[in-house]
Amino acid sequence: MRTLYITFLVLSSLLSLPNSCYAQNLFCEIIKLNCKNLSPSELVERNNLFYPKNSDTPFTGKISQTSEGWIYGKLDGFIKNGLKEGYWQQFHPNGQLRYKGHYIEGLRQGLWESYWDNGQLEMKGNFEKGKREGVWSYYNQDKTINHIFTGTYKNDVRVND
C-alpha cells in the first residue's frame, strides 16, 4: 500500500512538467482514476469544471481531437478532476502549431506561445496563475511588432510599453 501511495505522489507531481504526456498516461494506467481519452465534444463545462456528458463526476483523462472533421485543428491536453492540467497544444487545420503552454489547476502558468497559421510567432509571454505577467511580445502576420498589445504586464494589466 505504501508503494502505491508513493507512486501516486510521484506521478501526481509529474503532471505539470513540460512534455509530461508520458507521465499523464502512466498516471492513468496505474491509478485508474476515471481516465479516458475523450474529444472536447464529449465534455461539458459547468462551474469552470469539465464533465463527460451525462455525468456528475469531474473528468480526469486525456483530451485529444484530430483535425479531421474539426474546424479548430488537432488538440492535445489533459484534464485532472475537471480542470485543465499539464502541457496543452493545439494545431491549425493546416498542421501548423497554434499554441502551446501549461495549465496548473485550470489556470495558464509559465511560458505560452501562439502562432499564426503561416507558422510565424503571434504571441509570447508568461502567465502567473492565469494572468499575464512580465514582458509580452505580440506580432502581426508579417512579423512586425504589434505595438497595441506588446509591453510589460502586471496582474494581466499592461503597465508600460
C-alpha atoms as a PDB file:
ATOM      1  CA  MET A   1       0.000   0.000   0.000  1.00  0.00           C
ATOM      2  CA  ARG A   2       2.843   2.383   0.874  1.00  0.00           C
ATOM      3  CA  THR A   3       4.446   1.762  -2.542  1.00  0.00           C
ATOM      4  CA  LEU A   4       1.188   2.568  -4.313  1.00  0.00           C
ATOM      5  CA  TYR A   5       0.843   5.798  -2.325  1.00  0.00           C
ATOM      6  CA  ILE A   6       4.421   6.878  -3.141  1.00  0.00           C
ATOM      7  CA  THR A   7       3.845   6.061  -6.815  1.00  0.00           C
ATOM      8  CA  PHE A   8       0.681   8.161  -6.727  1.00  0.00           C
ATOM      9  CA  LEU A   9       2.553  11.141  -5.215  1.00  0.00           C
ATOM     10  CA  VAL A  10       5.405  10.938  -7.732  1.00  0.00           C
ATOM     11  CA  LEU A  11       3.112  10.664 -10.733  1.00  0.00           C
ATOM     12  CA  SER A  12       0.854  13.449  -9.442  1.00  0.00           C
ATOM     13  CA  SER A  13       3.836  15.789  -9.232  1.00  0.00           C
ATOM     14  CA  LEU A  14       4.857  14.914 -12.811  1.00  0.00           C
ATOM     15  CA  LEU A  15       1.562  16.024 -14.321  1.00  0.00           C
ATOM     16  CA  SER A  16       2.528  19.679 -14.673  1.00  0.00           C
ATOM     17  CA  LEU A  17       6.053  19.164 -16.005  1.00  0.00           C
ATOM     18  CA  PRO A  18       6.860  20.126 -19.623  1.00  0.00           C
ATOM     19  CA  ASN A  19       6.055  17.415 -22.157  1.00  0.00           C
ATOM     20  CA  SER A  20       4.618  15.205 -19.455  1.00  0.00           C
ATOM     21  CA  CYS A  21       2.184  13.285 -21.674  1.00  0.00           C
ATOM     22  CA  TYR A  22       4.027  10.068 -20.812  1.00  0.00           C
ATOM     23  CA  ALA A  23       3.636  10.749 -17.084  1.00  0.00           C
ATOM     24  CA  GLN A  24      -0.031  11.633 -17.549  1.00  0.00           C
ATOM     25  CA  ASN A  25      -0.739   8.411 -19.420  1.00  0.00           C
ATOM     26  CA  LEU A  26       1.242   6.398 -16.866  1.00  0.00           C
ATOM     27  CA  PHE A  27      -0.726   8.131 -14.099  1.00  0.00           C
ATOM     28  CA  CYS A  28      -3.964   6.971 -15.722  1.00  0.00           C
ATOM     29  CA  GLU A  29      -2.718   3.431 -16.262  1.00  0.00           C
ATOM     30  CA  ILE A  30      -1.505   2.893 -12.690  1.00  0.00           C
ATOM     31  CA  ILE A  31      -4.098   4.806 -10.680  1.00  0.00           C
ATOM     32  CA  LYS A  32      -7.162   4.119 -12.880  1.00  0.00           C
ATOM     33  CA  LEU A  33      -8.915   7.336 -11.834  1.00  0.00           C
ATOM     34  CA  ASN A  34     -11.707   7.620 -14.389  1.00  0.00           C
ATOM     35  CA  CYS A  35      -9.011   8.162 -17.019  1.00  0.00           C
ATOM     36  CA  LYS A  36     -10.277   8.136 -20.552  1.00  0.00           C
ATOM     37  CA  ASN A  37      -9.357   9.660 -23.860  1.00  0.00           C
ATOM     38  CA  LEU A  38     -12.187  11.941 -24.993  1.00  0.00           C
ATOM     39  CA  SER A  39     -12.671  14.605 -27.606  1.00  0.00           C
ATOM     40  CA  PRO A  40     -13.738  18.106 -26.494  1.00  0.00           C
ATOM     41  CA  SER A  41     -17.198  17.487 -27.966  1.00  0.00           C
ATOM     42  CA  GLU A  42     -17.745  14.686 -25.424  1.00  0.00           C
ATOM     43  CA  LEU A  43     -17.359  17.087 -22.484  1.00  0.00           C
ATOM     44  CA  VAL A  44     -19.473  19.829 -20.963  1.00  0.00           C
ATOM     45  CA  GLU A  45     -18.231  22.676 -18.787  1.00  0.00           C
ATOM     46  CA  ARG A  46     -20.159  23.503 -15.622  1.00  0.00           C
ATOM     47  CA  ASN A  47     -18.930  25.923 -12.951  1.00  0.00           C
ATOM     48  CA  ASN A  48     -15.460  26.005 -14.572  1.00  0.00           C
ATOM     49  CA  LEU A  49     -15.102  22.203 -14.407  1.00  0.00           C
ATOM     50  CA  PHE A  50     -15.227  19.707 -17.279  1.00  0.00           C
ATOM     51  CA  TYR A  51     -17.527  16.690 -17.075  1.00  0.00           C
ATOM     52  CA  PRO A  52     -18.262  13.870 -19.500  1.00  0.00           C
ATOM     53  CA  LYS A  53     -21.720  14.439 -20.974  1.00  0.00           C
ATOM     54  CA  ASN A  54     -24.467  12.993 -18.747  1.00  0.00           C
ATOM     55  CA  SER A  55     -22.134  12.668 -15.747  1.00  0.00           C
ATOM     56  CA  ASP A  56     -21.768  14.402 -12.390  1.00  0.00           C
ATOM     57  CA  THR A  57     -18.176  13.213 -11.914  1.00  0.00           C
ATOM     58  CA  PRO A  58     -15.459  15.697 -12.992  1.00  0.00           C
ATOM     59  CA  PHE A  59     -13.413  14.304 -15.849  1.00  0.00           C
ATOM     60  CA  THR A  60      -9.852  13.005 -15.481  1.00  0.00           C
ATOM     61  CA  GLY A  61      -8.049  11.923 -18.598  1.00  0.00           C
ATOM     62  CA  LYS A  62      -6.564  12.897 -21.921  1.00  0.00           C
ATOM     63  CA  ILE A  63      -8.293  15.244 -24.325  1.00  0.00           C
ATOM     64  CA  SER A  64      -7.475  14.841 -27.968  1.00  0.00           C
ATOM     65  CA  GLN A  65      -9.098  15.696 -31.232  1.00  0.00           C
ATOM     66  CA  THR A  66      -7.687  15.186 -34.676  1.00  0.00           C
ATOM     67  CA  SER A  67      -8.110  17.947 -37.226  1.00  0.00           C
ATOM     68  CA  GLU A  68     -10.244  15.640 -39.354  1.00  0.00           C
ATOM     69  CA  GLY A  69     -13.792  16.934 -39.131  1.00  0.00           C
ATOM     70  CA  TRP A  70     -12.952  19.592 -36.548  1.00  0.00           C
ATOM     71  CA  ILE A  71     -12.515  23.191 -37.708  1.00  0.00           C
ATOM     72  CA  TYR A  72     -10.087  24.121 -34.918  1.00  0.00           C
ATOM     73  CA  GLY A  73      -7.330  21.663 -35.826  1.00  0.00           C
ATOM     74  CA  LYS A  74      -5.635  18.994 -33.734  1.00  0.00           C
ATOM     75  CA  LEU A  75      -5.767  19.401 -29.939  1.00  0.00           C
ATOM     76  CA  ASP A  76      -3.943  17.523 -27.155  1.00  0.00           C
ATOM     77  CA  GLY A  77      -4.214  18.087 -23.418  1.00  0.00           C
ATOM     78  CA  PHE A  78      -5.018  16.567 -20.058  1.00  0.00           C
ATOM     79  CA  ILE A  79      -7.757  17.223 -17.510  1.00  0.00           C
ATOM     80  CA  LYS A  80      -7.442  16.265 -13.860  1.00  0.00           C
ATOM     81  CA  ASN A  81     -10.508  16.381 -11.607  1.00  0.00           C
ATOM     82  CA  GLY A  82     -12.313  18.583 -14.135  1.00  0.00           C
ATOM     83  CA  LEU A  83      -9.507  21.145 -14.559  1.00  0.00           C
ATOM     84  CA  LYS A  84      -7.014  21.556 -17.397  1.00  0.00           C
ATOM     85  CA  GLU A  85      -3.632  20.321 -16.194  1.00  0.00           C
ATOM     86  CA  GLY A  86      -0.148  19.977 -17.651  1.00  0.00           C
ATOM     87  CA  TYR A  87       1.015  20.571 -21.199  1.00  0.00           C
ATOM     88  CA  TRP A  88      -1.529  21.575 -23.862  1.00  0.00           C
ATOM     89  CA  GLN A  89      -1.063  22.170 -27.549  1.00  0.00           C
ATOM     90  CA  GLN A  90      -3.310  22.861 -30.492  1.00  0.00           C
ATOM     91  CA  PHE A  91      -2.607  22.944 -34.215  1.00  0.00           C
ATOM     92  CA  HIS A  92      -4.211  24.892 -37.040  1.00  0.00           C
ATOM     93  CA  PRO A  93      -6.136  22.778 -39.585  1.00  0.00           C
ATOM     94  CA  ASN A  94      -3.114  23.120 -41.930  1.00  0.00           C
ATOM     95  CA  GLY A  95      -0.894  21.371 -39.337  1.00  0.00           C
ATOM     96  CA  GLN A  96       0.948  24.454 -38.068  1.00  0.00           C
ATOM     97  CA  LEU A  97       1.192  24.841 -34.298  1.00  0.00           C
ATOM     98  CA  ARG A  98      -1.499  27.218 -32.981  1.00  0.00           C
ATOM     99  CA  TYR A  99      -0.439  27.407 -29.320  1.00  0.00           C
ATOM    100  CA  LYS A 100       1.458  25.584 -26.597  1.00  0.00           C
ATOM    101  CA  GLY A 101       1.675  26.024 -22.857  1.00  0.00           C
ATOM    102  CA  HIS A 102       0.914  24.607 -19.425  1.00  0.00           C
ATOM    103  CA  TYR A 103      -2.027  24.650 -17.072  1.00  0.00           C
ATOM    104  CA  ILE A 104      -1.923  24.178 -13.324  1.00  0.00           C
ATOM    105  CA  GLU A 105      -5.302  23.566 -11.691  1.00  0.00           C
ATOM    106  CA  GLY A 106      -7.124  25.047 -14.684  1.00  0.00           C
ATOM    107  CA  LEU A 107      -5.046  28.227 -14.959  1.00  0.00           C
ATOM    108  CA  ARG A 108      -2.389  29.046 -17.539  1.00  0.00           C
ATOM    109  CA  GLN A 109       1.051  29.007 -15.956  1.00  0.00           C
ATOM    110  CA  GLY A 110       4.526  29.791 -17.287  1.00  0.00           C
ATOM    111  CA  LEU A 111       5.560  30.413 -20.874  1.00  0.00           C
ATOM    112  CA  TRP A 112       2.838  30.395 -23.537  1.00  0.00           C
ATOM    113  CA  GLU A 113       3.350  30.853 -27.248  1.00  0.00           C
ATOM    114  CA  SER A 114       0.868  31.131 -30.087  1.00  0.00           C
ATOM    115  CA  TYR A 115       1.473  31.110 -33.811  1.00  0.00           C
ATOM    116  CA  TRP A 116      -0.259  32.338 -36.950  1.00  0.00           C
ATOM    117  CA  ASP A 117      -1.385  29.676 -39.424  1.00  0.00           C
ATOM    118  CA  ASN A 118       1.671  30.514 -41.558  1.00  0.00           C
ATOM    119  CA  GLY A 119       3.950  29.356 -38.694  1.00  0.00           C
ATOM    120  CA  GLN A 120       5.040  32.849 -37.628  1.00  0.00           C
ATOM    121  CA  LEU A 121       5.085  33.683 -33.919  1.00  0.00           C
ATOM    122  CA  GLU A 122       1.960  35.609 -32.909  1.00  0.00           C
ATOM    123  CA  MET A 123       2.410  35.976 -29.150  1.00  0.00           C
ATOM    124  CA  LYS A 124       4.876  35.012 -26.436  1.00  0.00           C
ATOM    125  CA  GLY A 125       4.726  35.664 -22.719  1.00  0.00           C
ATOM    126  CA  ASN A 126       4.385  34.250 -19.215  1.00  0.00           C
ATOM    127  CA  PHE A 127       1.306  33.592 -17.163  1.00  0.00           C
ATOM    128  CA  GLU A 128       1.185  33.601 -13.386  1.00  0.00           C
ATOM    129  CA  LYS A 129      -1.947  31.880 -12.074  1.00  0.00           C
ATOM    130  CA  GLY A 130      -3.818  32.609 -15.313  1.00  0.00           C
ATOM    131  CA  LYS A 131      -2.785  36.258 -15.631  1.00  0.00           C
ATOM    132  CA  ARG A 132      -0.227  37.836 -17.949  1.00  0.00           C
ATOM    133  CA  GLU A 133       2.932  38.738 -16.054  1.00  0.00           C
ATOM    134  CA  GLY A 134       6.176  40.308 -17.285  1.00  0.00           C
ATOM    135  CA  VAL A 135       7.226  41.109 -20.837  1.00  0.00           C
ATOM    136  CA  TRP A 136       4.789  40.081 -23.560  1.00  0.00           C
ATOM    137  CA  SER A 137       5.526  40.256 -27.271  1.00  0.00           C
ATOM    138  CA  TYR A 138       2.819  40.297 -29.933  1.00  0.00           C
ATOM    139  CA  TYR A 139       3.477  40.108 -33.664  1.00  0.00           C
ATOM    140  CA  ASN A 140       1.472  40.727 -36.822  1.00  0.00           C
ATOM    141  CA  GLN A 141       1.385  38.075 -39.562  1.00  0.00           C
ATOM    142  CA  ASP A 142       4.060  39.985 -41.479  1.00  0.00           C
ATOM    143  CA  LYS A 143       6.460  39.590 -38.458  1.00  0.00           C
ATOM    144  CA  THR A 144       6.194  43.257 -37.413  1.00  0.00           C
ATOM    145  CA  ILE A 145       5.632  44.032 -33.732  1.00  0.00           C
ATOM    146  CA  ASN A 146       2.045  44.695 -32.705  1.00  0.00           C
ATOM    147  CA  HIS A 147       2.575  47.784 -30.535  1.00  0.00           C
ATOM    148  CA  ILE A 148      -1.024  47.832 -29.297  1.00  0.00           C
ATOM    149  CA  PHE A 149      -0.509  44.768 -27.098  1.00  0.00           C
ATOM    150  CA  THR A 150       3.285  44.368 -26.705  1.00  0.00           C
ATOM    151  CA  GLY A 151       4.573  45.542 -23.341  1.00  0.00           C
ATOM    152  CA  THR A 152       5.068  44.687 -19.701  1.00  0.00           C
ATOM    153  CA  TYR A 153       2.110  43.246 -17.812  1.00  0.00           C
ATOM    154  CA  LYS A 154       1.397  43.059 -14.113  1.00  0.00           C
ATOM    155  CA  ASN A 155      -1.597  41.031 -12.919  1.00  0.00           C
ATOM    156  CA  ASP A 156      -2.934  40.911 -16.521  1.00  0.00           C
ATOM    157  CA  VAL A 157      -2.795  44.704 -16.948  1.00  0.00           C
ATOM    158  CA  ARG A 158      -0.339  46.375 -19.334  1.00  0.00           C
ATOM    159  CA  VAL A 159       1.761  48.720 -17.199  1.00  0.00           C
ATOM    160  CA  ASN A 160       4.173  50.040 -19.852  1.00  0.00           C
ATOM    161  CA  ASP A 161       5.387  49.635 -23.450  1.00  0.00           C
END
